[in-house]
């Protein structure tokens, strides 16, 4: 089954996607990871995307859709999880057309619901290794040595898009643009809602139950 995984920034989409990849052998397509790889590689696309991401704004549809379309051509029939895309109704409709051209479809659209205050706490405390991308949290998962990655010894930093003023913008953008997709996928009878404010394993169990996997 191919799924779209939704949730506000900090809702746990990346964590749940990784569990689906590890345990159910699905392929994760994360636009955030695609953008960060392009930014690290200093590509033209990466530089354009960074200017939007640093301000907490949506990357234009033309850039996102093109990148996702390229990835879909390399799936070789594997089930996939879309994480971070679509974010608007226009993107959802464009995705539907892309998939239809490849005789593919979305089975379910899973929304992870987390209260706004908890989202702010999760995101403002998040830290990331500049070298390997390992994720930490100042409260729940700090590195053993402050500012130093446990895995590779790289510098652990706060990403620009995890600063509080940017997070507020990101949440507002999500609420205005992405939440309306609930109705879109309800119309298609593909909407599923899961409580994302629970322990990771409980969320995963609920996701599997909702998807009947």
C-alpha atoms as a PDB file:
ATOM      1  CA  UNK A   1       0.000   0.000   0.000  1.00  0.00           C
ATOM      2  CA  UNK A   2       1.214   3.509  -0.866  1.00  0.00           C
ATOM      3  CA  UNK A   3       0.501   6.127   1.791  1.00  0.00           C
ATOM      4  CA  UNK A   4       0.803   9.833   2.439  1.00  0.00           C
ATOM      5  CA  UNK A   5       1.859  10.735   5.980  1.00  0.00           C
ATOM      6  CA  UNK A   6       0.688  14.101   7.296  1.00  0.00           C
ATOM      7  CA  UNK A   7       1.289  16.064  10.461  1.00  0.00           C
ATOM      8  CA  UNK A   8       2.473  19.472  11.604  1.00  0.00           C
ATOM      9  CA  UNK A   9       6.232  20.070  11.919  1.00  0.00           C
ATOM     10  CA  UNK A  10       7.389  18.005  14.890  1.00  0.00           C
ATOM     11  CA  UNK A  11       4.432  15.592  14.807  1.00  0.00           C
ATOM     12  CA  UNK A  12       6.704  12.589  14.274  1.00  0.00           C
ATOM     13  CA  UNK A  13       6.297  11.931  10.554  1.00  0.00           C
ATOM     14  CA  UNK A  14       9.988  11.159  10.066  1.00  0.00           C
ATOM     15  CA  UNK A  15      10.089   8.731  12.999  1.00  0.00           C
ATOM     16  CA  UNK A  16       7.002   6.833  11.885  1.00  0.00           C
ATOM     17  CA  UNK A  17       8.194   6.758   8.287  1.00  0.00           C
ATOM     18  CA  UNK A  18      11.489   5.225   9.397  1.00  0.00           C
ATOM     19  CA  UNK A  19       9.688   2.509  11.344  1.00  0.00           C
ATOM     20  CA  UNK A  20       7.548   1.682   8.320  1.00  0.00           C
ATOM     21  CA  UNK A  21      10.709   1.474   6.221  1.00  0.00           C
ATOM     22  CA  UNK A  22      12.567  -0.749   8.699  1.00  0.00           C
ATOM     23  CA  UNK A  23       9.732  -3.093   9.636  1.00  0.00           C
ATOM     24  CA  UNK A  24       7.536  -3.193   6.549  1.00  0.00           C
ATOM     25  CA  UNK A  25      10.208  -2.575   3.879  1.00  0.00           C
ATOM     26  CA  UNK A  26       8.437   0.454   2.428  1.00  0.00           C
ATOM     27  CA  UNK A  27      10.319   3.227   0.628  1.00  0.00           C
ATOM     28  CA  UNK A  28      10.272   6.682   2.218  1.00  0.00           C
ATOM     29  CA  UNK A  29      10.087   9.747   0.012  1.00  0.00           C
ATOM     30  CA  UNK A  30      10.800  12.721   2.267  1.00  0.00           C
ATOM     31  CA  UNK A  31      10.860  16.078   0.525  1.00  0.00           C
ATOM     32  CA  UNK A  32      12.681  17.526   3.531  1.00  0.00           C
ATOM     33  CA  UNK A  33      15.526  15.031   3.080  1.00  0.00           C
ATOM     34  CA  UNK A  34      15.596  15.681  -0.659  1.00  0.00           C
ATOM     35  CA  UNK A  35      15.883  19.411  -0.069  1.00  0.00           C
ATOM     36  CA  UNK A  36      18.565  19.080   2.607  1.00  0.00           C
ATOM     37  CA  UNK A  37      20.635  16.809   0.342  1.00  0.00           C
ATOM     38  CA  UNK A  38      20.352  19.381  -2.438  1.00  0.00           C
ATOM     39  CA  UNK A  39      21.300  22.170  -0.024  1.00  0.00           C
ATOM     40  CA  UNK A  40      24.324  20.236   1.269  1.00  0.00           C
ATOM     41  CA  UNK A  41      25.382  19.583  -2.320  1.00  0.00           C
ATOM     42  CA  UNK A  42      24.959  23.316  -3.070  1.00  0.00           C
ATOM     43  CA  UNK A  43      22.910  22.606  -6.173  1.00  0.00           C
ATOM     44  CA  UNK A  44      20.896  25.325  -7.870  1.00  0.00           C
ATOM     45  CA  UNK A  45      17.693  23.674  -6.673  1.00  0.00           C
ATOM     46  CA  UNK A  46      19.080  23.414  -3.139  1.00  0.00           C
ATOM     47  CA  UNK A  47      19.934  27.094  -2.983  1.00  0.00           C
ATOM     48  CA  UNK A  48      16.445  28.043  -4.154  1.00  0.00           C
ATOM     49  CA  UNK A  49      14.812  25.703  -1.648  1.00  0.00           C
ATOM     50  CA  UNK A  50      16.967  26.973   1.235  1.00  0.00           C
ATOM     51  CA  UNK A  51      15.810  30.557   0.784  1.00  0.00           C
ATOM     52  CA  UNK A  52      12.226  29.425   1.432  1.00  0.00           C
ATOM     53  CA  UNK A  53      12.971  26.865   4.167  1.00  0.00           C
ATOM     54  CA  UNK A  54      15.025  29.301   6.246  1.00  0.00           C
ATOM     55  CA  UNK A  55      12.004  31.582   6.458  1.00  0.00           C
ATOM     56  CA  UNK A  56       9.614  28.733   7.258  1.00  0.00           C
ATOM     57  CA  UNK A  57       7.791  29.197   3.967  1.00  0.00           C
ATOM     58  CA  UNK A  58       6.588  26.569   1.502  1.00  0.00           C
ATOM     59  CA  UNK A  59       8.900  25.711  -1.370  1.00  0.00           C
ATOM     60  CA  UNK A  60       7.065  26.480  -4.670  1.00  0.00           C
ATOM     61  CA  UNK A  61       5.022  23.661  -6.188  1.00  0.00           C
ATOM     62  CA  UNK A  62       7.052  23.581  -9.403  1.00  0.00           C
ATOM     63  CA  UNK A  63      10.236  22.678  -7.493  1.00  0.00           C
ATOM     64  CA  UNK A  64       8.634  20.117  -5.184  1.00  0.00           C
ATOM     65  CA  UNK A  65       6.544  18.325  -7.801  1.00  0.00           C
ATOM     66  CA  UNK A  66       9.499  17.992 -10.146  1.00  0.00           C
ATOM     67  CA  UNK A  67      11.640  16.400  -7.438  1.00  0.00           C
ATOM     68  CA  UNK A  68       8.948  13.945  -6.347  1.00  0.00           C
ATOM     69  CA  UNK A  69       8.223  12.970  -9.950  1.00  0.00           C
ATOM     70  CA  UNK A  70      11.900  12.090 -10.468  1.00  0.00           C
ATOM     71  CA  UNK A  71      11.958   9.896  -7.357  1.00  0.00           C
ATOM     72  CA  UNK A  72       8.787   8.016  -8.346  1.00  0.00           C
ATOM     73  CA  UNK A  73      10.485   6.871 -11.551  1.00  0.00           C
ATOM     74  CA  UNK A  74      13.104   4.992  -9.473  1.00  0.00           C
ATOM     75  CA  UNK A  75      10.751   3.023  -7.178  1.00  0.00           C
ATOM     76  CA  UNK A  76      10.661  -0.205  -9.208  1.00  0.00           C
ATOM     77  CA  UNK A  77       7.250  -1.181  -7.862  1.00  0.00           C
ATOM     78  CA  UNK A  78       8.045  -0.815  -4.139  1.00  0.00           C
ATOM     79  CA  UNK A  79       5.346   0.513  -1.780  1.00  0.00           C
ATOM     80  CA  UNK A  80       6.159   4.061  -0.689  1.00  0.00           C
ATOM     81  CA  UNK A  81       5.482   6.631   2.019  1.00  0.00           C
ATOM     82  CA  UNK A  82       5.260  10.282   1.028  1.00  0.00           C
ATOM     83  CA  UNK A  83       6.465  12.406   3.961  1.00  0.00           C
ATOM     84  CA  UNK A  84       6.127  16.173   3.580  1.00  0.00           C
ATOM     85  CA  UNK A  85       4.291  16.094   0.263  1.00  0.00           C
ATOM     86  CA  UNK A  86       1.674  17.070  -0.796  1.00  0.00           C
ATOM     87  CA  UNK A  87       1.234  20.193   1.344  1.00  0.00           C
ATOM     88  CA  UNK A  88      -1.495  21.928  -0.636  1.00  0.00           C
ATOM     89  CA  UNK A  89      -4.579  20.845  -2.558  1.00  0.00           C
ATOM     90  CA  UNK A  90      -2.876  21.839  -5.814  1.00  0.00           C
ATOM     91  CA  UNK A  91       0.044  19.547  -4.972  1.00  0.00           C
ATOM     92  CA  UNK A  92      -2.350  16.724  -4.032  1.00  0.00           C
ATOM     93  CA  UNK A  93      -4.141  17.033  -7.353  1.00  0.00           C
ATOM     94  CA  UNK A  94      -0.812  17.139  -9.221  1.00  0.00           C
ATOM     95  CA  UNK A  95       0.325  14.039  -7.320  1.00  0.00           C
ATOM     96  CA  UNK A  96      -2.848  12.231  -8.319  1.00  0.00           C
ATOM     97  CA  UNK A  97      -2.127  12.943 -11.991  1.00  0.00           C
ATOM     98  CA  UNK A  98       1.520  11.821 -11.684  1.00  0.00           C
ATOM     99  CA  UNK A  99       0.517   8.558 -10.021  1.00  0.00           C
ATOM    100  CA  UNK A 100      -2.289   7.908 -12.487  1.00  0.00           C
ATOM    101  CA  UNK A 101       0.198   8.188 -15.356  1.00  0.00           C
ATOM    102  CA  UNK A 102       2.205   5.401 -13.679  1.00  0.00           C
ATOM    103  CA  UNK A 103      -0.862   3.285 -12.818  1.00  0.00           C
ATOM    104  CA  UNK A 104      -0.258   3.974  -9.113  1.00  0.00           C
ATOM    105  CA  UNK A 105      -2.487   5.368  -6.367  1.00  0.00           C
ATOM    106  CA  UNK A 106      -2.486   6.472  -2.721  1.00  0.00           C
ATOM    107  CA  UNK A 107      -4.092   3.869  -0.454  1.00  0.00           C
ATOM    108  CA  UNK A 108      -4.454   5.979   2.685  1.00  0.00           C
ATOM    109  CA  UNK A 109      -3.622   9.503   3.902  1.00  0.00           C
ATOM    110  CA  UNK A 110      -2.558   9.280   7.569  1.00  0.00           C
ATOM    111  CA  UNK A 111      -2.724  12.412   9.726  1.00  0.00           C
ATOM    112  CA  UNK A 112      -0.687  12.462  12.971  1.00  0.00           C
ATOM    113  CA  UNK A 113      -2.438  14.832  15.374  1.00  0.00           C
ATOM    114  CA  UNK A 114      -0.386  16.546  18.150  1.00  0.00           C
ATOM    115  CA  UNK A 115      -1.396  19.586  20.296  1.00  0.00           C
ATOM    116  CA  UNK A 116       0.246  22.868  19.274  1.00  0.00           C
ATOM    117  CA  UNK A 117       2.030  23.408  22.634  1.00  0.00           C
ATOM    118  CA  UNK A 118       3.684  20.017  22.442  1.00  0.00           C
ATOM    119  CA  UNK A 119       4.774  20.700  18.877  1.00  0.00           C
ATOM    120  CA  UNK A 120       6.493  23.918  19.978  1.00  0.00           C
ATOM    121  CA  UNK A 121       8.298  22.111  22.795  1.00  0.00           C
ATOM    122  CA  UNK A 122       9.471  19.332  20.496  1.00  0.00           C
ATOM    123  CA  UNK A 123      10.753  21.642  17.787  1.00  0.00           C
ATOM    124  CA  UNK A 124      12.459  24.370  19.796  1.00  0.00           C
ATOM    125  CA  UNK A 125      14.462  21.699  21.639  1.00  0.00           C
ATOM    126  CA  UNK A 126      15.489  19.754  18.541  1.00  0.00           C
ATOM    127  CA  UNK A 127      19.176  19.684  17.593  1.00  0.00           C
ATOM    128  CA  UNK A 128      20.833  18.086  14.566  1.00  0.00           C
ATOM    129  CA  UNK A 129      24.374  16.926  13.784  1.00  0.00           C
ATOM    130  CA  UNK A 130      25.813  19.156  11.072  1.00  0.00           C
ATOM    131  CA  UNK A 131      27.812  16.241   9.647  1.00  0.00           C
ATOM    132  CA  UNK A 132      25.726  13.059   9.759  1.00  0.00           C
ATOM    133  CA  UNK A 133      22.215  14.406  10.412  1.00  0.00           C
ATOM    134  CA  UNK A 134      21.640  12.547  13.712  1.00  0.00           C
ATOM    135  CA  UNK A 135      18.748  14.108  15.657  1.00  0.00           C
ATOM    136  CA  UNK A 136      18.844  15.062  19.363  1.00  0.00           C
ATOM    137  CA  UNK A 137      16.631  16.962  21.813  1.00  0.00           C
ATOM    138  CA  UNK A 138      17.809  19.193  24.648  1.00  0.00           C
ATOM    139  CA  UNK A 139      15.387  17.540  27.087  1.00  0.00           C
ATOM    140  CA  UNK A 140      14.592  14.004  25.952  1.00  0.00           C
ATOM    141  CA  UNK A 141      17.712  13.028  23.999  1.00  0.00           C
ATOM    142  CA  UNK A 142      20.719  15.337  24.520  1.00  0.00           C
ATOM    143  CA  UNK A 143      24.158  14.308  23.164  1.00  0.00           C
ATOM    144  CA  UNK A 144      26.526  12.875  25.800  1.00  0.00           C
ATOM    145  CA  UNK A 145      28.824  15.879  25.301  1.00  0.00           C
ATOM    146  CA  UNK A 146      27.037  19.182  24.722  1.00  0.00           C
ATOM    147  CA  UNK A 147      27.303  20.273  21.098  1.00  0.00           C
ATOM    148  CA  UNK A 148      29.086  17.077  19.979  1.00  0.00           C
ATOM    149  CA  UNK A 149      27.450  14.208  18.044  1.00  0.00           C
ATOM    150  CA  UNK A 150      27.561  10.817  19.796  1.00  0.00           C
ATOM    151  CA  UNK A 151      27.865   9.021  16.460  1.00  0.00           C
ATOM    152  CA  UNK A 152      30.455  10.921  14.439  1.00  0.00           C
ATOM    153  CA  UNK A 153      31.802  13.691  16.673  1.00  0.00           C
ATOM    154  CA  UNK A 154      30.344  16.371  14.415  1.00  0.00           C
ATOM    155  CA  UNK A 155      28.920  19.693  15.578  1.00  0.00           C
ATOM    156  CA  UNK A 156      25.355  19.512  16.943  1.00  0.00           C
ATOM    157  CA  UNK A 157      23.377  22.625  16.041  1.00  0.00           C
ATOM    158  CA  UNK A 158      19.875  24.087  15.990  1.00  0.00           C
ATOM    159  CA  UNK A 159      18.647  24.295  12.407  1.00  0.00           C
ATOM    160  CA  UNK A 160      17.489  27.693  11.204  1.00  0.00           C
ATOM    161  CA  UNK A 161      13.998  26.296  10.589  1.00  0.00           C
ATOM    162  CA  UNK A 162      13.793  25.105  14.232  1.00  0.00           C
ATOM    163  CA  UNK A 163      14.126  28.617  15.703  1.00  0.00           C
ATOM    164  CA  UNK A 164      10.950  29.646  17.542  1.00  0.00           C
ATOM    165  CA  UNK A 165      10.053  32.555  15.282  1.00  0.00           C
ATOM    166  CA  UNK A 166      10.396  30.324  12.213  1.00  0.00           C
ATOM    167  CA  UNK A 167       8.467  27.477  13.872  1.00  0.00           C
ATOM    168  CA  UNK A 168       5.491  29.764  14.494  1.00  0.00           C
ATOM    169  CA  UNK A 169       5.496  30.611  10.788  1.00  0.00           C
ATOM    170  CA  UNK A 170       5.821  26.924   9.849  1.00  0.00           C
ATOM    171  CA  UNK A 171       2.862  25.949  12.025  1.00  0.00           C
ATOM    172  CA  UNK A 172       0.740  28.756  10.624  1.00  0.00           C
ATOM    173  CA  UNK A 173       1.665  27.702   7.090  1.00  0.00           C
ATOM    174  CA  UNK A 174       0.714  24.101   7.882  1.00  0.00           C
ATOM    175  CA  UNK A 175      -2.620  25.108   9.384  1.00  0.00           C
ATOM    176  CA  UNK A 176      -3.511  27.336   6.443  1.00  0.00           C
ATOM    177  CA  UNK A 177      -2.310  25.137   3.586  1.00  0.00           C
ATOM    178  CA  UNK A 178      -2.087  21.509   4.661  1.00  0.00           C
ATOM    179  CA  UNK A 179      -4.937  20.975   7.142  1.00  0.00           C
ATOM    180  CA  UNK A 180      -7.501  21.563   4.363  1.00  0.00           C
ATOM    181  CA  UNK A 181      -6.162  18.342   2.784  1.00  0.00           C
ATOM    182  CA  UNK A 182      -8.139  16.470   5.433  1.00  0.00           C
ATOM    183  CA  UNK A 183     -11.299  17.274   3.519  1.00  0.00           C
ATOM    184  CA  UNK A 184      -9.640  16.424   0.197  1.00  0.00           C
ATOM    185  CA  UNK A 185      -8.706  12.909   1.313  1.00  0.00           C
ATOM    186  CA  UNK A 186     -12.001  12.445   3.151  1.00  0.00           C
ATOM    187  CA  UNK A 187     -13.734  13.075  -0.173  1.00  0.00           C
ATOM    188  CA  UNK A 188     -11.602  10.296  -1.654  1.00  0.00           C
ATOM    189  CA  UNK A 189     -12.393   8.030   1.336  1.00  0.00           C
ATOM    190  CA  UNK A 190      -8.683   7.713   2.163  1.00  0.00           C
ATOM    191  CA  UNK A 191      -8.431   9.770   5.363  1.00  0.00           C
ATOM    192  CA  UNK A 192      -7.046   8.201   8.579  1.00  0.00           C
ATOM    193  CA  UNK A 193      -6.305  10.059  11.852  1.00  0.00           C
ATOM    194  CA  UNK A 194      -3.846   8.833  14.522  1.00  0.00           C
ATOM    195  CA  UNK A 195      -2.996  10.382  17.902  1.00  0.00           C
ATOM    196  CA  UNK A 196       0.657  11.401  17.483  1.00  0.00           C
ATOM    197  CA  UNK A 197       1.054  12.614  21.086  1.00  0.00           C
ATOM    198  CA  UNK A 198       1.608   9.062  22.380  1.00  0.00           C
ATOM    199  CA  UNK A 199       4.773   7.005  22.830  1.00  0.00           C
ATOM    200  CA  UNK A 200       6.476   6.180  19.533  1.00  0.00           C
ATOM    201  CA  UNK A 201       5.639   2.463  19.604  1.00  0.00           C
ATOM    202  CA  UNK A 202       1.982   3.140  20.415  1.00  0.00           C
ATOM    203  CA  UNK A 203       1.729   5.591  17.525  1.00  0.00           C
ATOM    204  CA  UNK A 204       3.292   3.011  15.215  1.00  0.00           C
ATOM    205  CA  UNK A 205       0.888   0.327  16.428  1.00  0.00           C
ATOM    206  CA  UNK A 206      -2.064   2.636  15.765  1.00  0.00           C
ATOM    207  CA  UNK A 207      -0.724   3.504  12.304  1.00  0.00           C
ATOM    208  CA  UNK A 208      -0.422  -0.186  11.414  1.00  0.00           C
ATOM    209  CA  UNK A 209      -3.922  -0.883  12.720  1.00  0.00           C
ATOM    210  CA  UNK A 210      -5.356   2.020  10.741  1.00  0.00           C
ATOM    211  CA  UNK A 211      -3.650   0.770   7.582  1.00  0.00           C
ATOM    212  CA  UNK A 212      -4.492  -2.881   8.342  1.00  0.00           C
ATOM    213  CA  UNK A 213      -0.864  -3.875   7.808  1.00  0.00           C
END
